[in-house]
Each structure stands twice: as structure tokens, then as C-alpha cells.
Amino acid sequence: MKQIGVAIIGTGWCGGIRAETCAAHPLTRSLHLAEIRPERLAEVAKATGAQTAVSDYRELLRRNEIEAVYISATPETTHFPIARDFLAAGKHVFLEKPIAMELAEADELIALARKHHLKFTVGYSQRFNPKFAYVRKSIRDGTIGKPVSALVSRHITRGLGKKISGRVKLSPAAMECTHDLDFVLWCLEPAKPVRVYSQQNFGAMQQASGQPIADQQWLSVTMDSGLSFVVGGGWSLPPGYPNFSTTWIEMVGTEGALMVDDSHRDVVLNTMQKGMQLPMSTMPGERVEHTYAGPMAAETIHFLEAVAFDRPVMVTPEHARMVMEVYIAADLSAERNEPVSLPLKGSKPVRAAA
């Protein structure tokens, strides 16, 4: 069995899950961490037995024993420069979404990965959610026939929304709808998006921040197959449960339909002290004794195995770029109040590497 050296850049919520998952996996020969908060770096290093723990990720670029790198750093503006540096150094890269802030940056990362023959993927963790995977299976095996329409609606609490929108100027389309755009486009491939229309709704987030931050954004996407689908994402639910996320999916085909409730209401805890709670409601996941609630641990292992066993990654960077182009078009559409055609002006479609 081939073991590899692994680096985790950023050990917050997502990075912490990835670090603990890699540390416990037999394919990991050595674990190396980079985190700018000294107390968090020390905490995760102790919990994982990391071989290296540094505050500057650049100290890890020339470590020959490191083959796979997970980039979980925030704010999202750091994604491009860190990914660029590790790809240029010849490391396989897993990058949390978004792939970049601009399409030109995404193109540069894709070109670097191709040039150095490296695995490069983006963290769309919902592909590892069994409910989501079942929807795709039911399309691919013909159970519901030819897809006719699709709808996905996702909401998170305003506590999470405030945290996300406060660190980077990205819309609900870019930060919430992006998972579901990836999911639906994955289900419908090889069809490609050709037109986007979007609108934003404002309320609690704008009132609380004084900034033009939308509560909700709806996207209508038309594919080159003629099918259209709707995705909505919002981040202003009342703070009833910490990090609560609720999602509803409708996938309708010529021979059947699927309705998926991913609202995390399947586990309800009722205590004298706190009343009714949804203890498994967090997104992207949380540790539960020896395992994790949510798909992030499985996603982490997938990339680890892809590098160690030279397997294809599930999310290609070209697909992540397509998702990015759709949500950029959505923001343009919301601003202009008119449909926007794809590809965007000055943007060229990127073909997947052979």
C-alpha cells in the first residue's frame, strides 16, 4: 500500500475535519499543517499528531514528502494564490469552493494542473451525500426517464450567513447555490448551461449589516438540451439551531419523479433543559464519536485515494469553472434584471483534459 504525505492549509471548521480524517487514514504517511492562528494550530496539531505545524504555508511548498494538499483557508480570496503556489510546486491540490474569484484565475489554475500532470479538484461535498447521489443514479439508470425539470432550494441560518458574507463579497449564488448548481449540472451532464436569469431578495441581512447583502437568490438556468432548472439559496433563517441547513430537491422526469428532504429533521433530541433540538443539523458536518455527520470526511478520503492510487477525481476543475461561470452570470443578471447568455463575454469554454 502506497502512503503519501498530506498537507492541510487552514485548519478551521472544514480544514479541521480534513486534518482529523487524513490523520486517521492508513494512506497518510505524514501530516503537515499550516494555520495563521497559533492556538488553533496547536490544538489541531496535538489532536492529529501532525509532523509539521507552521504559520506560513510557503514553508511547506518545498517539502518533497508532501504529495497531496487540501486548501481550506479563508477568506476565499486566498484560494487562488495558495493553489497556484502548490500546483507550481508540483503538488496535487484539493481546493475548497470557490475555485477562484475570477474566471481568468480559474483558467490559470487549470492550465498549471495540466502542465504538471497533477490532480486538481474543488470541494463540492454534496456529491458525497447519499441522498444527492441517489438522485443522480435515478437519472443515469433511467429510473425516472429523461429529466424534464429540477428545483433545489437551500437555506442556512443568518449566523452562518453573517459569517460567510462578512469575510468576502460573494453572493448567495456564489456561496450557497454553488453546491446545488454543481449537483444539478452533474446530474444533467453532458448538457451545458447556455442562459441564466437571476433575482435577489433583500431583508434581514441588509438591515443587520447596512450593506447590500441579499437574503436569498434564485437562479433559472437553461441548458443546451432545452431543459431549464431552478436553484435557490438563502442565508437568513432565524438562529433556531446552530449552523442549521435545510435543502429540498425536486427532480422530475418523463417516467417518474424524486422528492428529497434533506432538512436534517430525521434526528430530534428533546431534553428538559433545552427542549427540542436538531443535533445533526450542521452543514458541512461534525464529529460524532468515531465518525462524521455529513459528507465531508468521505470527500476527503476520495481525494486522498485519488492521489495514492492514481484515480480520477470526481469534481474536475473544468466543471467547477462552469459552475463559477453560471453564478457569475447570475449576479450579472440580478444586477441588470435581464437574462445573461453563456459563455460570458471574454470567456472561452474550457475542455476537460484527456
Protein backbone atom coordinates (compact mmCIF):
# COMPACT_ATOMS: atom_id res chain seq x y z
CA MET A 1 0.00 0.00 0.00
CA LYS A 2 1.37 3.38 -1.03
CA GLN A 3 1.33 6.02 1.69
CA ILE A 4 1.66 9.72 0.95
CA GLY A 5 2.47 12.94 2.75
CA VAL A 6 -0.51 15.28 3.16
CA ALA A 7 -0.74 18.99 3.93
CA ILE A 8 -3.78 20.88 5.24
CA ILE A 9 -3.76 24.65 4.69
CA GLY A 10 -6.20 26.29 7.06
CA THR A 11 -7.46 24.21 9.99
CA GLY A 12 -10.78 25.88 10.78
CA TRP A 13 -14.11 24.07 10.57
CA CYS A 14 -13.58 22.36 7.20
CA GLY A 15 -9.80 22.10 7.49
CA GLY A 16 -10.12 20.56 10.94
CA ILE A 17 -12.39 17.81 9.61
CA ARG A 18 -9.98 17.14 6.74
CA ALA A 19 -6.95 17.07 9.06
CA GLU A 20 -8.56 14.61 11.50
CA THR A 21 -9.81 12.42 8.64
CA CYS A 22 -6.39 12.26 6.97
CA ALA A 23 -4.58 11.68 10.27
CA ALA A 24 -6.72 8.59 10.95
CA HIS A 25 -6.35 7.12 7.46
CA PRO A 26 -3.74 4.41 6.70
CA LEU A 27 -2.83 6.04 3.36
CA THR A 28 -1.41 9.06 5.18
CA ARG A 29 2.31 8.65 5.85
CA SER A 30 2.79 12.11 7.36
CA LEU A 31 0.56 15.11 8.08
CA HIS A 32 1.64 18.75 7.75
CA LEU A 33 -0.42 21.75 8.86
CA ALA A 34 -0.43 25.47 8.10
CA GLU A 35 -2.65 27.83 10.12
CA ILE A 36 -2.27 31.53 10.95
CA ARG A 37 -3.97 31.26 14.39
CA PRO A 38 -1.38 29.89 16.85
CA GLU A 39 -3.93 28.48 19.32
CA ARG A 40 -5.88 26.64 16.62
CA LEU A 41 -2.68 25.36 15.01
CA ALA A 42 -1.53 23.93 18.34
CA GLU A 43 -4.95 22.39 19.01
CA VAL A 44 -5.19 20.56 15.67
CA ALA A 45 -1.52 19.56 15.67
CA LYS A 46 -1.97 17.92 19.07
CA ALA A 47 -5.20 16.19 18.05
CA THR A 48 -3.72 14.78 14.83
CA GLY A 49 -0.08 14.18 15.75
CA ALA A 50 1.00 16.31 12.81
CA GLN A 51 4.66 16.06 11.83
CA THR A 52 4.81 19.74 10.87
CA ALA A 53 2.82 22.74 12.09
CA VAL A 54 3.65 26.17 10.64
CA SER A 55 2.00 29.57 10.34
CA ASP A 56 3.15 30.24 6.76
CA TYR A 57 2.02 27.75 4.11
CA ARG A 58 5.02 28.64 1.94
CA GLU A 59 7.24 26.69 4.33
CA LEU A 60 5.55 23.53 3.00
CA LEU A 61 5.99 24.20 -0.72
CA ARG A 62 9.40 22.53 -0.99
CA ARG A 63 8.70 19.57 1.27
CA ASN A 64 9.25 16.66 -1.11
CA GLU A 65 7.34 14.22 1.12
CA ILE A 66 4.11 16.20 0.60
CA GLU A 67 2.14 14.96 -2.42
CA ALA A 68 -1.46 15.95 -1.65
CA VAL A 69 -2.60 19.35 -0.36
CA TYR A 70 -6.03 20.33 0.98
CA ILE A 71 -6.57 24.10 0.86
CA SER A 72 -9.26 25.09 3.38
CA ALA A 73 -8.06 28.62 4.08
CA THR A 74 -10.33 31.66 4.34
CA PRO A 75 -11.14 34.26 3.19
CA GLU A 76 -11.91 32.91 -0.27
CA THR A 77 -9.60 35.48 -1.86
CA THR A 78 -6.68 33.34 -0.63
CA HIS A 79 -7.72 30.31 -2.70
CA PHE A 80 -6.11 31.34 -5.98
CA PRO A 81 -2.63 32.35 -4.77
CA ILE A 82 -2.26 29.36 -2.44
CA ALA A 83 -3.50 26.86 -5.04
CA ARG A 84 -1.27 28.45 -7.69
CA ASP A 85 1.80 28.12 -5.49
CA PHE A 86 1.21 24.46 -4.66
CA LEU A 87 0.37 23.47 -8.23
CA ALA A 88 3.51 25.26 -9.43
CA ALA A 89 5.45 23.28 -6.81
CA GLY A 90 4.15 20.01 -8.27
CA LYS A 91 1.58 19.12 -5.57
CA HIS A 92 -1.85 17.57 -6.15
CA VAL A 93 -4.46 20.05 -4.90
CA PHE A 94 -7.89 19.81 -3.31
CA LEU A 95 -9.38 23.32 -3.08
CA GLU A 96 -12.48 24.35 -1.15
CA LYS A 97 -15.03 26.16 -3.27
CA PRO A 98 -14.95 28.61 -4.95
CA ILE A 99 -12.19 27.65 -7.38
CA ALA A 100 -11.22 31.33 -7.71
CA MET A 101 -12.62 34.87 -7.64
CA GLU A 102 -12.26 35.44 -11.39
CA LEU A 103 -12.52 33.16 -14.41
CA ALA A 104 -9.00 34.10 -15.53
CA GLU A 105 -7.66 32.83 -12.21
CA ALA A 106 -9.55 29.55 -12.61
CA ASP A 107 -8.09 29.19 -16.11
CA GLU A 108 -4.58 29.74 -14.78
CA LEU A 109 -5.01 27.05 -12.12
CA ILE A 110 -6.41 24.57 -14.66
CA ALA A 111 -3.50 25.28 -17.01
CA LEU A 112 -0.97 24.74 -14.22
CA ALA A 113 -2.53 21.41 -13.25
CA ARG A 114 -2.41 20.26 -16.87
CA LYS A 115 1.13 21.43 -17.37
CA HIS A 116 2.42 19.48 -14.38
CA HIS A 117 0.03 16.48 -14.85
CA LEU A 118 -1.50 17.00 -11.40
CA LYS A 119 -4.82 16.11 -9.84
CA PHE A 120 -6.79 19.25 -9.11
CA THR A 121 -10.31 19.24 -7.70
CA VAL A 122 -12.77 21.52 -5.91
CA GLY A 123 -14.76 20.79 -2.76
CA TYR A 124 -18.35 20.21 -3.77
CA SER A 125 -19.09 17.95 -0.84
CA GLN A 126 -22.79 17.37 -1.59
CA ARG A 127 -21.80 14.86 -4.28
CA PHE A 128 -20.88 12.61 -1.34
CA ASN A 129 -24.31 13.00 0.26
CA PRO A 130 -26.09 9.64 -0.34
CA LYS A 131 -29.43 11.36 -0.97
CA PHE A 132 -27.91 13.51 -3.72
CA ALA A 133 -26.06 10.54 -5.20
CA TYR A 134 -29.34 8.61 -5.35
CA VAL A 135 -30.95 11.37 -7.42
CA ARG A 136 -28.16 11.18 -9.98
CA LYS A 137 -28.31 7.38 -10.03
CA SER A 138 -32.05 7.50 -10.74
CA ILE A 139 -31.36 9.73 -13.74
CA ARG A 140 -28.37 7.83 -15.08
CA ASP A 141 -30.02 4.39 -14.87
CA GLY A 142 -33.26 5.64 -16.45
CA THR A 143 -35.49 5.10 -13.39
CA ILE A 144 -37.24 8.46 -13.79
CA GLY A 145 -36.73 8.68 -17.55
CA LYS A 146 -35.49 11.80 -19.28
CA PRO A 147 -35.20 14.79 -16.91
CA VAL A 148 -37.86 17.41 -17.55
CA SER A 149 -37.32 19.88 -14.71
CA ALA A 150 -35.37 20.30 -11.50
CA LEU A 151 -35.57 22.50 -8.42
CA VAL A 152 -33.26 22.80 -5.43
CA SER A 153 -33.89 25.18 -2.52
CA ARG A 154 -31.28 25.58 0.23
CA HIS A 155 -31.43 27.74 3.36
CA ILE A 156 -28.96 28.26 6.22
CA THR A 157 -29.18 30.37 9.36
CA ARG A 158 -28.29 34.04 9.45
CA GLY A 159 -25.47 33.30 11.90
CA LEU A 160 -23.70 31.32 9.22
CA GLY A 161 -24.79 33.83 6.57
CA LYS A 162 -23.31 36.71 8.53
CA LYS A 163 -20.05 34.81 8.99
CA ILE A 164 -19.74 33.94 5.30
CA SER A 165 -20.86 37.26 3.83
CA GLY A 166 -18.74 39.20 6.31
CA ARG A 167 -15.43 37.71 5.16
CA VAL A 168 -15.82 38.08 1.39
CA LYS A 169 -18.04 39.95 -1.05
CA LEU A 170 -19.70 36.96 -2.69
CA SER A 171 -23.43 36.49 -3.26
CA PRO A 172 -25.75 33.70 -2.11
CA ALA A 173 -25.40 32.33 -5.65
CA ALA A 174 -21.63 32.05 -5.29
CA MET A 175 -21.53 30.72 -1.74
CA GLU A 176 -24.80 28.77 -1.23
CA CYS A 177 -26.33 27.99 -4.63
CA THR A 178 -22.93 26.86 -5.87
CA HIS A 179 -23.26 23.39 -4.26
CA ASP A 180 -26.62 22.84 -5.88
CA LEU A 181 -25.55 24.23 -9.24
CA ASP A 182 -22.73 21.70 -9.19
CA PHE A 183 -25.15 18.95 -8.23
CA VAL A 184 -27.75 19.65 -10.94
CA LEU A 185 -25.16 20.22 -13.67
CA TRP A 186 -23.52 16.93 -12.60
CA CYS A 187 -26.86 15.15 -12.86
CA LEU A 188 -27.61 16.60 -16.30
CA GLU A 189 -24.21 16.20 -17.97
CA PRO A 190 -23.24 16.20 -20.81
CA ALA A 191 -25.74 19.05 -21.25
CA LYS A 192 -24.23 22.52 -20.77
CA PRO A 193 -25.75 25.79 -19.49
CA VAL A 194 -26.44 28.46 -22.12
CA ARG A 195 -28.53 31.13 -20.34
CA VAL A 196 -29.06 32.35 -16.77
CA TYR A 197 -31.69 34.60 -15.22
CA SER A 198 -31.49 35.55 -11.55
CA GLN A 199 -33.09 37.77 -8.94
CA GLN A 200 -32.11 38.65 -5.37
CA ASN A 201 -34.36 39.33 -2.38
CA PHE A 202 -33.25 41.65 0.43
CA GLY A 203 -34.30 41.81 4.07
CA ALA A 204 -32.68 40.76 7.35
CA MET A 205 -29.07 40.64 6.15
CA GLN A 206 -29.21 44.13 4.69
CA GLN A 207 -30.98 45.51 7.78
CA ALA A 208 -28.40 43.99 10.12
CA SER A 209 -25.29 44.96 8.15
CA GLY A 210 -26.28 48.16 6.38
CA GLN A 211 -24.73 46.59 3.28
CA PRO A 212 -26.43 45.42 0.06
CA ILE A 213 -26.32 41.76 1.08
CA ALA A 214 -29.19 39.68 -0.27
CA ASP A 215 -31.10 37.25 1.94
CA GLN A 216 -31.99 34.98 -0.96
CA GLN A 217 -31.09 34.48 -4.60
CA TRP A 218 -32.98 32.49 -7.22
CA LEU A 219 -31.41 31.26 -10.45
CA SER A 220 -33.16 29.93 -13.54
CA VAL A 221 -30.69 28.10 -15.80
CA THR A 222 -31.41 26.97 -19.37
CA MET A 223 -29.38 24.07 -20.78
CA ASP A 224 -28.39 23.40 -24.38
CA SER A 225 -30.66 20.33 -24.21
CA GLY A 226 -33.66 22.64 -23.81
CA LEU A 227 -34.26 21.73 -20.15
CA SER A 228 -34.36 24.51 -17.57
CA PHE A 229 -33.92 24.22 -13.81
CA VAL A 230 -34.22 26.48 -10.76
CA VAL A 231 -31.84 26.76 -7.82
CA GLY A 232 -32.37 28.99 -4.80
CA GLY A 233 -30.07 29.72 -1.89
CA GLY A 234 -30.56 31.82 1.22
CA TRP A 235 -28.74 32.54 4.47
CA SER A 236 -31.14 34.39 6.76
CA LEU A 237 -33.08 31.71 8.67
CA PRO A 238 -33.64 32.59 12.35
CA PRO A 239 -30.90 31.14 14.58
CA GLY A 240 -33.00 28.29 15.96
CA TYR A 241 -30.25 25.69 15.62
CA PRO A 242 -26.50 26.29 15.31
CA ASN A 243 -25.34 26.04 11.69
CA PHE A 244 -28.69 24.65 10.55
CA SER A 245 -29.03 23.86 6.85
CA THR A 246 -32.18 22.68 5.10
CA THR A 247 -32.49 21.59 1.47
CA TRP A 248 -35.40 20.45 -0.70
CA ILE A 249 -34.90 18.77 -4.10
CA GLU A 250 -37.41 18.05 -6.86
CA MET A 251 -36.22 16.13 -9.93
CA VAL A 252 -38.99 15.35 -12.44
CA GLY A 253 -38.57 13.06 -15.44
CA THR A 254 -40.70 11.56 -18.19
CA GLU A 255 -41.10 8.27 -16.27
CA GLY A 256 -41.05 9.38 -12.65
CA ALA A 257 -40.04 11.97 -10.09
CA LEU A 258 -37.89 12.23 -6.98
CA MET A 259 -38.57 14.47 -3.99
CA VAL A 260 -35.73 14.67 -1.48
CA ASP A 261 -35.98 16.18 2.00
CA ASP A 262 -32.51 16.98 3.31
CA SER A 263 -33.70 19.16 6.17
CA HIS A 264 -31.97 17.17 8.96
CA ARG A 265 -35.26 16.67 10.80
CA ASP A 266 -34.75 12.92 10.97
CA VAL A 267 -32.96 13.11 14.34
CA VAL A 268 -34.76 15.11 17.05
CA LEU A 269 -33.42 15.44 20.60
CA ASN A 270 -35.82 16.56 23.35
CA THR A 271 -34.44 17.43 26.80
CA MET A 272 -35.84 19.07 29.92
CA GLN A 273 -33.15 21.74 29.80
CA LYS A 274 -33.19 22.80 26.14
CA GLY A 275 -36.40 21.41 24.69
CA MET A 276 -36.47 20.09 21.12
CA GLN A 277 -33.26 20.30 19.11
CA LEU A 278 -31.91 19.05 15.80
CA PRO A 279 -28.47 17.84 16.93
CA MET A 280 -27.39 16.56 13.50
CA SER A 281 -28.32 19.70 11.60
CA THR A 282 -24.89 21.14 10.91
CA MET A 283 -23.51 21.67 7.45
CA PRO A 284 -20.95 20.66 6.22
CA GLY A 285 -20.65 18.20 9.12
CA GLU A 286 -19.49 17.48 12.61
CA ARG A 287 -17.72 14.74 14.50
CA VAL A 288 -19.91 12.12 16.17
CA GLU A 289 -17.63 9.88 18.23
CA HIS A 290 -15.69 7.76 15.71
CA THR A 291 -17.44 9.07 12.58
CA TYR A 292 -18.73 12.27 10.96
CA ALA A 293 -22.20 13.61 10.23
CA GLY A 294 -22.18 14.97 6.71
CA PRO A 295 -20.28 14.12 3.53
CA MET A 296 -17.01 15.98 4.12
CA ALA A 297 -15.00 13.08 5.57
CA ALA A 298 -15.92 10.85 2.62
CA GLU A 299 -14.96 13.62 0.21
CA THR A 300 -11.59 14.00 1.98
CA ILE A 301 -10.85 10.28 1.67
CA HIS A 302 -11.86 10.32 -2.02
CA PHE A 303 -9.09 12.80 -2.87
CA LEU A 304 -6.57 11.00 -0.68
CA GLU A 305 -7.26 7.76 -2.55
CA ALA A 306 -7.26 9.52 -5.93
CA VAL A 307 -3.69 10.67 -5.32
CA ALA A 308 -2.40 7.49 -3.68
CA PHE A 309 -3.96 5.13 -6.24
CA ASP A 310 -3.82 7.47 -9.27
CA ARG A 311 -7.60 7.53 -9.73
CA PRO A 312 -9.68 10.27 -11.39
CA VAL A 313 -11.12 12.98 -9.17
CA MET A 314 -14.91 13.23 -9.05
CA VAL A 315 -15.12 17.02 -9.47
CA THR A 316 -12.99 18.19 -12.38
CA PRO A 317 -11.71 21.77 -12.26
CA GLU A 318 -13.31 22.37 -15.66
CA HIS A 319 -16.70 21.51 -14.16
CA ALA A 320 -16.04 23.79 -11.18
CA ARG A 321 -15.18 26.58 -13.63
CA MET A 322 -18.51 26.03 -15.41
CA VAL A 323 -20.34 26.33 -12.07
CA MET A 324 -18.42 29.53 -11.40
CA GLU A 325 -19.40 30.99 -14.77
CA VAL A 326 -23.08 30.24 -14.03
CA TYR A 327 -23.10 32.05 -10.68
CA ILE A 328 -21.15 35.00 -12.11
CA ALA A 329 -23.78 35.20 -14.85
CA ALA A 330 -26.48 35.02 -12.15
CA ASP A 331 -25.02 38.03 -10.34
CA LEU A 332 -24.82 39.95 -13.62
CA SER A 333 -28.42 39.00 -14.37
CA ALA A 334 -29.62 40.16 -10.95
CA GLU A 335 -27.77 43.46 -11.38
CA ARG A 336 -29.11 44.08 -14.90
CA ASN A 337 -32.55 42.45 -14.41
CA GLU A 338 -32.19 40.55 -17.67
CA PRO A 339 -31.08 37.08 -18.82
CA VAL A 340 -27.36 36.57 -19.44
CA SER A 341 -26.06 34.21 -22.13
CA LEU A 342 -23.13 31.83 -21.72
CA PRO A 343 -20.24 31.77 -22.29
CA LEU A 344 -19.67 35.19 -20.78
CA LYS A 345 -18.06 37.83 -22.96
CA GLY A 346 -14.31 37.29 -23.00
CA SER A 347 -14.71 33.83 -21.55
CA LYS A 348 -13.86 30.72 -23.51
CA PRO A 349 -15.25 27.29 -22.60
CA VAL A 350 -12.55 25.02 -21.16
CA ARG A 351 -12.41 21.46 -22.37
CA ALA A 352 -11.56 18.74 -19.89
CA ALA A 353 -8.05 17.36 -20.02
CA ALA A 354 -7.65 13.98 -21.64
